[in-house]
Amino acid sequence: MAENLVKSPRGRVKRTPIVGRSRLHVKNKDDNFVYRIVNDTDDRVDVFKENGWEPVQAKDTSVGDKRVETSGPSGSVAEISVGGGTKAIVMRIKREWYEEDQAAKAAQVDAIEQTMKEDALRGTYGKLDLTRD
């Protein structure tokens, strides 16, 4: 018995289910960088710039997928409308710097957890049991 195979017509763009919609997916990323989409409100972009993040040029990337209406970039920075009249821009930081920042955050959390443990051992918290997976 011949097997019936469903084939899409030639030349047709491959259909992607709607559940896979990714409005904020950044394309053409360089593996040496970590990317983030930053709302352009309350000087957030300037704060990110001060901390080593750089805007990504529109010619180097795009945001969203083929089913998502994205606004064209105004100027040379990759941006997308995120609703409510707010625009967001694509920013990136060197992976090395990002990992240093994450390690610093983890060290700060570890220090806070250590003080909680010390307080618990002195009896000021009652019983405390912290575990990590």
Protein backbone atom coordinates (compact mmCIF):
# COMPACT_ATOMS: atom_id res chain seq x y z
CA MET A 1 0.00 0.00 0.00
CA ALA A 2 1.39 3.40 -0.96
CA GLU A 3 2.00 5.86 1.82
CA ASN A 4 0.12 9.14 1.52
CA LEU A 5 2.42 12.06 2.17
CA VAL A 6 1.14 15.58 2.58
CA LYS A 7 3.43 17.97 0.81
CA SER A 8 3.20 21.73 0.76
CA PRO A 9 3.13 23.30 -2.68
CA ARG A 10 6.46 24.43 -4.04
CA GLY A 11 7.32 28.06 -3.47
CA ARG A 12 5.04 28.38 -0.46
CA VAL A 13 6.53 29.84 2.71
CA LYS A 14 6.64 27.23 5.46
CA ARG A 15 3.76 27.74 7.86
CA THR A 16 4.61 28.25 11.52
CA PRO A 17 1.92 27.68 14.16
CA ILE A 18 0.65 30.82 15.90
CA VAL A 19 1.70 29.42 19.29
CA GLY A 20 5.30 30.04 18.28
CA ARG A 21 4.77 33.78 17.88
CA SER A 22 7.69 35.74 19.21
CA ARG A 23 7.19 39.49 19.08
CA LEU A 24 10.45 40.22 20.81
CA HIS A 25 12.77 37.70 19.17
CA VAL A 26 16.07 39.29 18.10
CA LYS A 27 17.54 37.90 14.88
CA ASN A 28 21.14 37.77 13.66
CA LYS A 29 22.70 37.80 17.12
CA ASP A 30 26.45 37.68 17.63
CA ASP A 31 27.33 34.92 20.12
CA ASN A 32 29.92 37.19 21.75
CA PHE A 33 27.13 39.46 23.05
CA VAL A 34 24.01 39.20 25.22
CA TYR A 35 20.97 41.01 23.84
CA ARG A 36 18.07 42.73 25.57
CA ILE A 37 15.10 44.79 24.46
CA VAL A 38 14.91 47.96 26.55
CA ASN A 39 11.86 50.22 26.77
CA ASP A 40 12.78 53.76 25.78
CA THR A 41 11.15 55.36 28.85
CA ASP A 42 12.38 57.13 31.98
CA ASP A 43 16.00 57.36 30.75
CA ARG A 44 16.31 53.54 30.86
CA VAL A 45 18.32 53.49 27.62
CA ASP A 46 20.79 56.02 29.06
CA VAL A 47 21.16 53.95 32.24
CA PHE A 48 21.92 50.86 30.17
CA LYS A 49 24.46 52.81 28.07
CA GLU A 50 26.20 53.99 31.26
CA ASN A 51 26.52 50.33 32.29
CA GLY A 52 28.18 49.14 29.09
CA TRP A 53 25.17 48.28 26.92
CA GLU A 54 25.13 49.58 23.34
CA PRO A 55 22.21 50.09 20.95
CA VAL A 56 22.14 47.64 18.04
CA GLN A 57 21.98 49.13 14.58
CA ALA A 58 18.89 48.29 12.50
CA LYS A 59 21.07 47.11 9.62
CA ASP A 60 22.61 44.43 11.88
CA THR A 61 19.44 42.80 13.24
CA SER A 62 15.66 42.70 13.26
CA VAL A 63 13.07 42.11 15.95
CA GLY A 64 10.02 39.85 15.82
CA ASP A 65 9.05 37.29 13.23
CA LYS A 66 7.25 37.33 9.89
CA ARG A 67 3.77 37.37 11.47
CA VAL A 68 4.47 40.31 13.74
CA GLU A 69 4.01 43.84 12.55
CA THR A 70 7.11 45.72 13.54
CA SER A 71 7.61 49.37 12.97
CA GLY A 72 10.43 50.38 10.72
CA PRO A 73 13.43 51.78 12.48
CA SER A 74 13.51 55.52 12.90
CA GLY A 75 17.11 56.49 12.47
CA SER A 76 19.66 53.74 12.67
CA VAL A 77 18.77 51.89 15.89
CA ALA A 78 16.75 48.64 15.84
CA GLU A 79 13.45 49.30 17.58
CA ILE A 80 9.95 47.89 18.01
CA SER A 81 6.65 49.26 19.25
CA VAL A 82 5.73 47.52 22.52
CA GLY A 83 2.30 49.11 22.93
CA GLY A 84 0.85 52.14 24.61
CA GLY A 85 2.91 54.44 22.41
CA THR A 86 6.12 53.05 23.88
CA LYS A 87 9.08 52.10 21.73
CA ALA A 88 11.83 49.72 22.78
CA ILE A 89 15.28 49.38 21.31
CA VAL A 90 17.58 46.40 20.97
CA MET A 91 20.71 46.69 23.10
CA ARG A 92 23.65 44.40 23.64
CA ILE A 93 26.62 43.97 25.95
CA LYS A 94 29.78 41.90 25.65
CA ARG A 95 29.08 38.42 27.01
CA GLU A 96 32.16 38.69 29.26
CA TRP A 97 30.84 41.88 30.88
CA TYR A 98 27.35 40.41 31.25
CA GLU A 99 28.74 37.35 33.03
CA GLU A 100 30.78 39.60 35.36
CA ASP A 101 27.60 41.55 36.19
CA GLN A 102 25.68 38.33 36.87
CA ALA A 103 28.47 37.05 39.13
CA ALA A 104 28.37 40.34 41.08
CA LYS A 105 24.58 40.02 41.50
CA ALA A 106 24.96 36.41 42.67
CA ALA A 107 27.64 37.45 45.19
CA GLN A 108 25.29 40.10 46.57
CA VAL A 109 22.48 37.54 46.95
CA ASP A 110 24.88 35.07 48.59
CA ALA A 111 25.95 37.74 51.10
CA ILE A 112 22.33 38.50 52.01
CA GLU A 113 21.56 34.80 52.39
CA GLN A 114 24.62 34.38 54.60
CA THR A 115 23.43 37.12 56.97
CA MET A 116 20.02 35.43 57.11
CA LYS A 117 21.68 32.14 58.03
CA GLU A 118 23.80 33.83 60.70
CA ASP A 119 20.72 35.51 62.19
CA ALA A 120 18.90 32.17 62.20
CA LEU A 121 21.78 30.51 64.02
CA ARG A 122 21.58 33.23 66.68
CA GLY A 123 17.91 32.44 67.12
CA THR A 124 16.51 35.73 65.84
CA TYR A 125 14.59 34.17 62.91
CA GLY A 126 13.32 30.96 64.37
CA LYS A 127 13.95 28.05 62.07
CA LEU A 128 15.54 28.61 58.66
CA ASP A 129 16.26 26.00 56.03
CA LEU A 130 17.83 27.12 52.73
CA THR A 131 18.65 24.70 49.95
CA ARG A 132 19.69 25.14 46.35
CA ASP A 133 19.07 22.79 43.46
